Amino acid sequence: MTAIHGKLAEGGRLVLPAAFRRELGLGKGDGVIMELHGDEVRIRPASAALKRLKAKLSAAAAGSVVDDLIADRRRAASDE
C-alpha cells in the first residue's frame, strides 16, 4: 500500500496525487466512487465499479438461465 500525506483545501477539496491517478487510469472529468469505511475513505474509478457490477449481473443471469433449463428438463422428463 502506498501512502501520501495531503491536505484538504477550501471547500473540502482534496487533490488525488498524479501517481495515484496514473495507477488507476483516471483523467480529468472521470468519475470516482467514494466509500466511507469506519475512519477511512476509499476512492475507486467509477469504471471499475461498473465493470464489477456488470460481472455480478452476468453471473447472476447465467445462474438463472441454468436454473430455468434444469426446470424445463425436469418438466419434460415428468411429462414422458
PDB file of N, CA and C in Angstrom:
ATOM      1  N   MET A   1       0.844  -1.171   0.000  1.00  0.00           N
ATOM      2  CA  MET A   1       0.000   0.000   0.000  1.00  0.00           C
ATOM      3  C   MET A   1       0.891   1.236   0.000  1.00  0.00           C
ATOM      4  N   THR A   2       0.548   2.205  -0.832  1.00  0.00           N
ATOM      5  CA  THR A   2       1.288   3.457  -0.895  1.00  0.00           C
ATOM      6  C   THR A   2       0.503   4.526  -0.149  1.00  0.00           C
ATOM      7  N   ALA A   3       1.172   5.284   0.700  1.00  0.00           N
ATOM      8  CA  ALA A   3       0.522   6.357   1.450  1.00  0.00           C
ATOM      9  C   ALA A   3       1.229   7.670   1.157  1.00  0.00           C
ATOM     10  N   ILE A   4       0.443   8.697   0.895  1.00  0.00           N
ATOM     11  CA  ILE A   4       0.967  10.043   0.647  1.00  0.00           C
ATOM     12  C   ILE A   4       0.182  11.007   1.520  1.00  0.00           C
ATOM     13  N   HIS A   5       0.879  11.909   2.173  1.00  0.00           N
ATOM     14  CA  HIS A   5       0.234  12.907   3.026  1.00  0.00           C
ATOM     15  C   HIS A   5      -0.369  14.002   2.161  1.00  0.00           C
ATOM     16  N   GLY A   6      -1.572  14.419   2.490  1.00  0.00           N
ATOM     17  CA  GLY A   6      -2.222  15.505   1.762  1.00  0.00           C
ATOM     18  C   GLY A   6      -2.977  16.403   2.722  1.00  0.00           C
ATOM     19  N   LYS A   7      -3.513  17.499   2.186  1.00  0.00           N
ATOM     20  CA  LYS A   7      -4.295  18.437   2.993  1.00  0.00           C
ATOM     21  C   LYS A   7      -5.571  18.791   2.256  1.00  0.00           C
ATOM     22  N   LEU A   8      -6.612  19.019   3.026  1.00  0.00           N
ATOM     23  CA  LEU A   8      -7.861  19.486   2.445  1.00  0.00           C
ATOM     24  C   LEU A   8      -7.742  20.962   2.110  1.00  0.00           C
ATOM     25  N   ALA A   9      -8.248  21.320   0.956  1.00  0.00           N
ATOM     26  CA  ALA A   9      -8.257  22.721   0.534  1.00  0.00           C
ATOM     27  C   ALA A   9      -9.639  23.306   0.830  1.00  0.00           C
ATOM     28  N   GLU A  10      -9.802  24.547   0.451  1.00  0.00           N
ATOM     29  CA  GLU A  10     -11.069  25.240   0.657  1.00  0.00           C
ATOM     30  C   GLU A  10     -12.219  24.440   0.051  1.00  0.00           C
ATOM     31  N   GLY A  11     -13.313  24.394   0.768  1.00  0.00           N
ATOM     32  CA  GLY A  11     -14.489  23.681   0.271  1.00  0.00           C
ATOM     33  C   GLY A  11     -14.370  22.169   0.399  1.00  0.00           C
ATOM     34  N   GLY A  12     -13.376  21.685   1.151  1.00  0.00           N
ATOM     35  CA  GLY A  12     -13.209  20.248   1.341  1.00  0.00           C
ATOM     36  C   GLY A  12     -12.552  19.541   0.175  1.00  0.00           C
ATOM     37  N   ARG A  13     -11.926  20.304  -0.713  1.00  0.00           N
ATOM     38  CA  ARG A  13     -11.280  19.695  -1.888  1.00  0.00           C
ATOM     39  C   ARG A  13      -9.992  18.983  -1.494  1.00  0.00           C
ATOM     40  N   LEU A  14      -9.771  17.864  -2.172  1.00  0.00           N
ATOM     41  CA  LEU A  14      -8.574  17.069  -1.950  1.00  0.00           C
ATOM     42  C   LEU A  14      -8.000  16.716  -3.309  1.00  0.00           C
ATOM     43  N   VAL A  15      -6.705  16.920  -3.485  1.00  0.00           N
ATOM     44  CA  VAL A  15      -6.058  16.593  -4.757  1.00  0.00           C
ATOM     45  C   VAL A  15      -5.568  15.153  -4.687  1.00  0.00           C
ATOM     46  N   LEU A  16      -5.982  14.357  -5.657  1.00  0.00           N
ATOM     47  CA  LEU A  16      -5.504  12.981  -5.767  1.00  0.00           C
ATOM     48  C   LEU A  16      -4.147  13.032  -6.467  1.00  0.00           C
ATOM     49  N   PRO A  17      -3.094  12.528  -5.847  1.00  0.00           N
ATOM     50  CA  PRO A  17      -1.755  12.628  -6.438  1.00  0.00           C
ATOM     51  C   PRO A  17      -1.689  12.016  -7.844  1.00  0.00           C
ATOM     52  N   ALA A  18      -0.838  12.605  -8.680  1.00  0.00           N
ATOM     53  CA  ALA A  18      -0.700  12.162 -10.071  1.00  0.00           C
ATOM     54  C   ALA A  18      -0.345  10.681 -10.160  1.00  0.00           C
ATOM     55  N   ALA A  19       0.509  10.206  -9.266  1.00  0.00           N
ATOM     56  CA  ALA A  19       0.889   8.784  -9.291  1.00  0.00           C
ATOM     57  C   ALA A  19      -0.328   7.890  -9.069  1.00  0.00           C
ATOM     58  N   PHE A  20      -1.221   8.302  -8.185  1.00  0.00           N
ATOM     59  CA  PHE A  20      -2.442   7.532  -7.934  1.00  0.00           C
ATOM     60  C   PHE A  20      -3.355   7.577  -9.154  1.00  0.00           C
ATOM     61  N   ARG A  21      -3.496   8.769  -9.735  1.00  0.00           N
ATOM     62  CA  ARG A  21      -4.360   8.905 -10.924  1.00  0.00           C
ATOM     63  C   ARG A  21      -3.850   8.032 -12.061  1.00  0.00           C
ATOM     64  N   ARG A  22      -2.543   8.037 -12.267  1.00  0.00           N
ATOM     65  CA  ARG A  22      -1.962   7.191 -13.330  1.00  0.00           C
ATOM     66  C   ARG A  22      -2.224   5.716 -13.054  1.00  0.00           C
ATOM     67  N   GLU A  23      -1.967   5.297 -11.837  1.00  0.00           N
ATOM     68  CA  GLU A  23      -2.149   3.887 -11.461  1.00  0.00           C
ATOM     69  C   GLU A  23      -3.599   3.437 -11.656  1.00  0.00           C
ATOM     70  N   LEU A  24      -4.543   4.327 -11.383  1.00  0.00           N
ATOM     71  CA  LEU A  24      -5.967   3.997 -11.510  1.00  0.00           C
ATOM     72  C   LEU A  24      -6.525   4.304 -12.894  1.00  0.00           C
ATOM     73  N   GLY A  25      -5.702   4.901 -13.752  1.00  0.00           N
ATOM     74  CA  GLY A  25      -6.160   5.235 -15.099  1.00  0.00           C
ATOM     75  C   GLY A  25      -7.182   6.353 -15.113  1.00  0.00           C
ATOM     76  N   LEU A  26      -7.062   7.283 -14.194  1.00  0.00           N
ATOM     77  CA  LEU A  26      -8.015   8.390 -14.085  1.00  0.00           C
ATOM     78  C   LEU A  26      -7.508   9.625 -14.808  1.00  0.00           C
ATOM     79  N   GLY A  27      -8.413  10.296 -15.483  1.00  0.00           N
ATOM     80  CA  GLY A  27      -8.100  11.544 -16.156  1.00  0.00           C
ATOM     81  C   GLY A  27      -9.117  12.607 -15.770  1.00  0.00           C
ATOM     82  N   LYS A  28      -8.903  13.804 -16.254  1.00  0.00           N
ATOM     83  CA  LYS A  28      -9.785  14.927 -15.947  1.00  0.00           C
ATOM     84  C   LYS A  28     -11.227  14.577 -16.321  1.00  0.00           C
ATOM     85  N   GLY A  29     -12.123  14.793 -15.387  1.00  0.00           N
ATOM     86  CA  GLY A  29     -13.540  14.568 -15.636  1.00  0.00           C
ATOM     87  C   GLY A  29     -14.019  13.141 -15.403  1.00  0.00           C
ATOM     88  N   ASP A  30     -13.107  12.209 -15.125  1.00  0.00           N
ATOM     89  CA  ASP A  30     -13.516  10.825 -14.865  1.00  0.00           C
ATOM     90  C   ASP A  30     -14.258  10.740 -13.533  1.00  0.00           C
ATOM     91  N   GLY A  31     -15.227   9.858 -13.478  1.00  0.00           N
ATOM     92  CA  GLY A  31     -15.998   9.663 -12.255  1.00  0.00           C
ATOM     93  C   GLY A  31     -15.286   8.732 -11.288  1.00  0.00           C
ATOM     94  N   VAL A  32     -15.530   8.954 -10.019  1.00  0.00           N
ATOM     95  CA  VAL A  32     -14.993   8.084  -8.976  1.00  0.00           C
ATOM     96  C   VAL A  32     -16.117   7.721  -8.009  1.00  0.00           C
ATOM     97  N   ILE A  33     -15.939   6.608  -7.330  1.00  0.00           N
ATOM     98  CA  ILE A  33     -16.844   6.181  -6.273  1.00  0.00           C
ATOM     99  C   ILE A  33     -16.087   6.361  -4.967  1.00  0.00           C
ATOM    100  N   MET A  34     -16.706   7.045  -4.006  1.00  0.00           N
ATOM    101  CA  MET A  34     -16.094   7.246  -2.697  1.00  0.00           C
ATOM    102  C   MET A  34     -16.935   6.525  -1.662  1.00  0.00           C
ATOM    103  N   GLU A  35     -16.278   5.708  -0.848  1.00  0.00           N
ATOM    104  CA  GLU A  35     -16.969   4.948   0.191  1.00  0.00           C
ATOM    105  C   GLU A  35     -16.335   5.244   1.540  1.00  0.00           C
ATOM    106  N   LEU A  36     -17.173   5.398   2.545  1.00  0.00           N
ATOM    107  CA  LEU A  36     -16.694   5.620   3.903  1.00  0.00           C
ATOM    108  C   LEU A  36     -16.714   4.284   4.638  1.00  0.00           C
ATOM    109  N   HIS A  37     -15.543   3.845   5.101  1.00  0.00           N
ATOM    110  CA  HIS A  37     -15.386   2.596   5.851  1.00  0.00           C
ATOM    111  C   HIS A  37     -14.738   2.943   7.186  1.00  0.00           C
ATOM    112  N   GLY A  38     -15.546   3.087   8.209  1.00  0.00           N
ATOM    113  CA  GLY A  38     -15.007   3.465   9.517  1.00  0.00           C
ATOM    114  C   GLY A  38     -14.339   4.823   9.437  1.00  0.00           C
ATOM    115  N   ASP A  39     -13.036   4.862   9.709  1.00  0.00           N
ATOM    116  CA  ASP A  39     -12.299   6.127   9.654  1.00  0.00           C
ATOM    117  C   ASP A  39     -11.495   6.267   8.365  1.00  0.00           C
ATOM    118  N   GLU A  40     -11.874   5.525   7.319  1.00  0.00           N
ATOM    119  CA  GLU A  40     -11.184   5.587   6.027  1.00  0.00           C
ATOM    120  C   GLU A  40     -12.149   5.986   4.917  1.00  0.00           C
ATOM    121  N   VAL A  41     -11.612   6.685   3.925  1.00  0.00           N
ATOM    122  CA  VAL A  41     -12.359   6.970   2.701  1.00  0.00           C
ATOM    123  C   VAL A  41     -11.670   6.200   1.587  1.00  0.00           C
ATOM    124  N   ARG A  42     -12.426   5.371   0.886  1.00  0.00           N
ATOM    125  CA  ARG A  42     -11.877   4.605  -0.239  1.00  0.00           C
ATOM    126  C   ARG A  42     -12.393   5.212  -1.529  1.00  0.00           C
ATOM    127  N   ILE A  43     -11.471   5.423  -2.449  1.00  0.00           N
ATOM    128  CA  ILE A  43     -11.803   6.023  -3.742  1.00  0.00           C
ATOM    129  C   ILE A  43     -11.408   5.042  -4.829  1.00  0.00           C
ATOM    130  N   ARG A  44     -12.332   4.783  -5.761  1.00  0.00           N
ATOM    131  CA  ARG A  44     -12.019   3.907  -6.891  1.00  0.00           C
ATOM    132  C   ARG A  44     -12.671   4.469  -8.144  1.00  0.00           C
ATOM    133  N   PRO A  45     -12.121   4.140  -9.291  1.00  0.00           N
ATOM    134  CA  PRO A  45     -12.704   4.631 -10.541  1.00  0.00           C
ATOM    135  C   PRO A  45     -14.131   4.108 -10.707  1.00  0.00           C
ATOM    136  N   ALA A  46     -15.022   4.960 -11.161  1.00  0.00           N
ATOM    137  CA  ALA A  46     -16.400   4.535 -11.401  1.00  0.00           C
ATOM    138  C   ALA A  46     -16.438   3.441 -12.457  1.00  0.00           C
ATOM    139  N   SER A  47     -15.525   3.498 -13.420  1.00  0.00           N
ATOM    140  CA  SER A  47     -15.496   2.475 -14.470  1.00  0.00           C
ATOM    141  C   SER A  47     -15.198   1.098 -13.884  1.00  0.00           C
ATOM    142  N   ALA A  48     -14.350   1.023 -12.867  1.00  0.00           N
ATOM    143  CA  ALA A  48     -14.036  -0.257 -12.224  1.00  0.00           C
ATOM    144  C   ALA A  48     -15.253  -0.787 -11.483  1.00  0.00           C
ATOM    145  N   ALA A  49     -15.981   0.099 -10.831  1.00  0.00           N
ATOM    146  CA  ALA A  49     -17.191  -0.311 -10.120  1.00  0.00           C
ATOM    147  C   ALA A  49     -18.235  -0.816 -11.102  1.00  0.00           C
ATOM    148  N   LEU A  50     -18.339  -0.162 -12.252  1.00  0.00           N
ATOM    149  CA  LEU A  50     -19.298  -0.579 -13.271  1.00  0.00           C
ATOM    150  C   LEU A  50     -18.933  -1.951 -13.828  1.00  0.00           C
ATOM    151  N   LYS A  51     -17.651  -2.181 -14.082  1.00  0.00           N
ATOM    152  CA  LYS A  51     -17.209  -3.496 -14.573  1.00  0.00           C
ATOM    153  C   LYS A  51     -17.541  -4.590 -13.563  1.00  0.00           C
ATOM    154  N   ARG A  52     -17.297  -4.297 -12.290  1.00  0.00           N
ATOM    155  CA  ARG A  52     -17.579  -5.270 -11.231  1.00  0.00           C
ATOM    156  C   ARG A  52     -19.079  -5.573 -11.166  1.00  0.00           C
ATOM    157  N   LEU A  53     -19.914  -4.540 -11.290  1.00  0.00           N
ATOM    158  CA  LEU A  53     -21.360  -4.725 -11.264  1.00  0.00           C
ATOM    159  C   LEU A  53     -21.831  -5.543 -12.460  1.00  0.00           C
ATOM    160  N   LYS A  54     -21.307  -5.239 -13.650  1.00  0.00           N
ATOM    161  CA  LYS A  54     -21.681  -5.996 -14.848  1.00  0.00           C
ATOM    162  C   LYS A  54     -21.311  -7.466 -14.703  1.00  0.00           C
ATOM    163  N   ALA A  55     -20.151  -7.745 -14.129  1.00  0.00           N
ATOM    164  CA  ALA A  55     -19.724  -9.133 -13.932  1.00  0.00           C
ATOM    165  C   ALA A  55     -20.668  -9.857 -12.979  1.00  0.00           C
ATOM    166  N   LYS A  56     -21.076  -9.172 -11.902  1.00  0.00           N
ATOM    167  CA  LYS A  56     -22.001  -9.787 -10.950  1.00  0.00           C
ATOM    168  C   LYS A  56     -23.352 -10.050 -11.601  1.00  0.00           C
ATOM    169  N   LEU A  57     -23.838  -9.093 -12.387  1.00  0.00           N
ATOM    170  CA  LEU A  57     -25.135  -9.255 -13.039  1.00  0.00           C
ATOM    171  C   LEU A  57     -25.114 -10.375 -14.064  1.00  0.00           C
ATOM    172  N   SER A  58     -24.049 -10.466 -14.841  1.00  0.00           N
ATOM    173  CA  SER A  58     -23.993 -11.523 -15.849  1.00  0.00           C
ATOM    174  C   SER A  58     -23.860 -12.892 -15.186  1.00  0.00           C
ATOM    175  N   ALA A  59     -23.150 -12.973 -14.065  1.00  0.00           N
ATOM    176  CA  ALA A  59     -23.046 -14.240 -13.337  1.00  0.00           C
ATOM    177  C   ALA A  59     -24.407 -14.634 -12.771  1.00  0.00           C
ATOM    178  N   ALA A  60     -25.142 -13.654 -12.252  1.00  0.00           N
ATOM    179  CA  ALA A  60     -26.475 -13.932 -11.712  1.00  0.00           C
ATOM    180  C   ALA A  60     -27.421 -14.360 -12.821  1.00  0.00           C
ATOM    181  N   ALA A  61     -27.341 -13.695 -13.969  1.00  0.00           N
ATOM    182  CA  ALA A  61     -28.201 -14.042 -15.103  1.00  0.00           C
ATOM    183  C   ALA A  61     -27.865 -15.430 -15.618  1.00  0.00           C
ATOM    184  N   ALA A  62     -26.596 -15.765 -15.675  1.00  0.00           N
ATOM    185  CA  ALA A  62     -26.189 -17.091 -16.146  1.00  0.00           C
ATOM    186  C   ALA A  62     -26.727 -18.165 -15.216  1.00  0.00           C
ATOM    187  N   GLY A  63     -26.700 -17.903 -13.927  1.00  0.00           N
ATOM    188  CA  GLY A  63     -27.236 -18.865 -12.969  1.00  0.00           C
ATOM    189  C   GLY A  63     -28.717 -19.082 -13.167  1.00  0.00           C
ATOM    190  N   SER A  64     -29.474 -18.027 -13.431  1.00  0.00           N
ATOM    191  CA  SER A  64     -30.912 -18.175 -13.600  1.00  0.00           C
ATOM    192  C   SER A  64     -31.235 -18.901 -14.899  1.00  0.00           C
ATOM    193  N   VAL A  65     -30.444 -18.731 -15.941  1.00  0.00           N
ATOM    194  CA  VAL A  65     -30.658 -19.447 -17.200  1.00  0.00           C
ATOM    195  C   VAL A  65     -30.465 -20.938 -16.974  1.00  0.00           C
ATOM    196  N   VAL A  66     -29.435 -21.292 -16.235  1.00  0.00           N
ATOM    197  CA  VAL A  66     -29.180 -22.697 -15.927  1.00  0.00           C
ATOM    198  C   VAL A  66     -30.332 -23.264 -15.103  1.00  0.00           C
ATOM    199  N   ASP A  67     -30.775 -22.505 -14.106  1.00  0.00           N
ATOM    200  CA  ASP A  67     -31.898 -22.962 -13.285  1.00  0.00           C
ATOM    201  C   ASP A  67     -33.148 -23.171 -14.132  1.00  0.00           C
ATOM    202  N   ASP A  68     -33.403 -22.254 -15.064  1.00  0.00           N
ATOM    203  CA  ASP A  68     -34.557 -22.385 -15.960  1.00  0.00           C
ATOM    204  C   ASP A  68     -34.431 -23.629 -16.832  1.00  0.00           C
ATOM    205  N   LEU A  69     -33.246 -23.880 -17.347  1.00  0.00           N
ATOM    206  CA  LEU A  69     -33.019 -25.050 -18.193  1.00  0.00           C
ATOM    207  C   LEU A  69     -33.251 -26.344 -17.409  1.00  0.00           C
ATOM    208  N   ILE A  70     -32.736 -26.402 -16.195  1.00  0.00           N
ATOM    209  CA  ILE A  70     -32.934 -27.589 -15.358  1.00  0.00           C
ATOM    210  C   ILE A  70     -34.417 -27.803 -15.083  1.00  0.00           C
ATOM    211  N   ALA A  71     -35.123 -26.736 -14.760  1.00  0.00           N
ATOM    212  CA  ALA A  71     -36.561 -26.849 -14.501  1.00  0.00           C
ATOM    213  C   ALA A  71     -37.297 -27.337 -15.739  1.00  0.00           C
ATOM    214  N   ASP A  72     -36.939 -26.824 -16.910  1.00  0.00           N
ATOM    215  CA  ASP A  72     -37.564 -27.272 -18.161  1.00  0.00           C
ATOM    216  C   ASP A  72     -37.302 -28.752 -18.401  1.00  0.00           C
ATOM    217  N   ARG A  73     -36.076 -29.194 -18.177  1.00  0.00           N
ATOM    218  CA  ARG A  73     -35.721 -30.606 -18.381  1.00  0.00           C
ATOM    219  C   ARG A  73     -36.498 -31.500 -17.414  1.00  0.00           C
ATOM    220  N   ARG A  74     -36.639 -31.056 -16.184  1.00  0.00           N
ATOM    221  CA  ARG A  74     -37.386 -31.852 -15.204  1.00  0.00           C
ATOM    222  C   ARG A  74     -38.861 -31.957 -15.590  1.00  0.00           C
ATOM    223  N   ARG A  75     -39.424 -30.849 -16.070  1.00  0.00           N
ATOM    224  CA  ARG A  75     -40.825 -30.875 -16.520  1.00  0.00           C
ATOM    225  C   ARG A  75     -40.987 -31.824 -17.697  1.00  0.00           C
ATOM    226  N   ALA A  76     -40.057 -31.747 -18.636  1.00  0.00           N
ATOM    227  CA  ALA A  76     -40.122 -32.618 -19.814  1.00  0.00           C
ATOM    228  C   ALA A  76     -39.995 -34.082 -19.409  1.00  0.00           C
ATOM    229  N   ALA A  77     -39.118 -34.372 -18.462  1.00  0.00           N
ATOM    230  CA  ALA A  77     -38.927 -35.754 -18.014  1.00  0.00           C
ATOM    231  C   ALA A  77     -40.168 -36.274 -17.295  1.00  0.00           C
ATOM    232  N   SER A  78     -40.820 -35.428 -16.528  1.00  0.00           N
ATOM    233  CA  SER A  78     -42.017 -35.876 -15.807  1.00  0.00           C
ATOM    234  C   SER A  78     -43.208 -36.055 -16.747  1.00  0.00           C
ATOM    235  N   ASP A  79     -43.209 -35.365 -17.890  1.00  0.00           N
ATOM    236  CA  ASP A  79     -44.284 -35.500 -18.875  1.00  0.00           C
ATOM    237  C   ASP A  79     -44.169 -36.790 -19.677  1.00  0.00           C
ATOM    238  N   GLU A  80     -42.992 -37.411 -19.694  1.00  0.00           N
ATOM    239  CA  GLU A  80     -42.778 -38.621 -20.506  1.00  0.00           C
ATOM    240  C   GLU A  80     -43.396 -39.839 -19.908  1.00  0.00           C
TER     241      GLU A  80
END
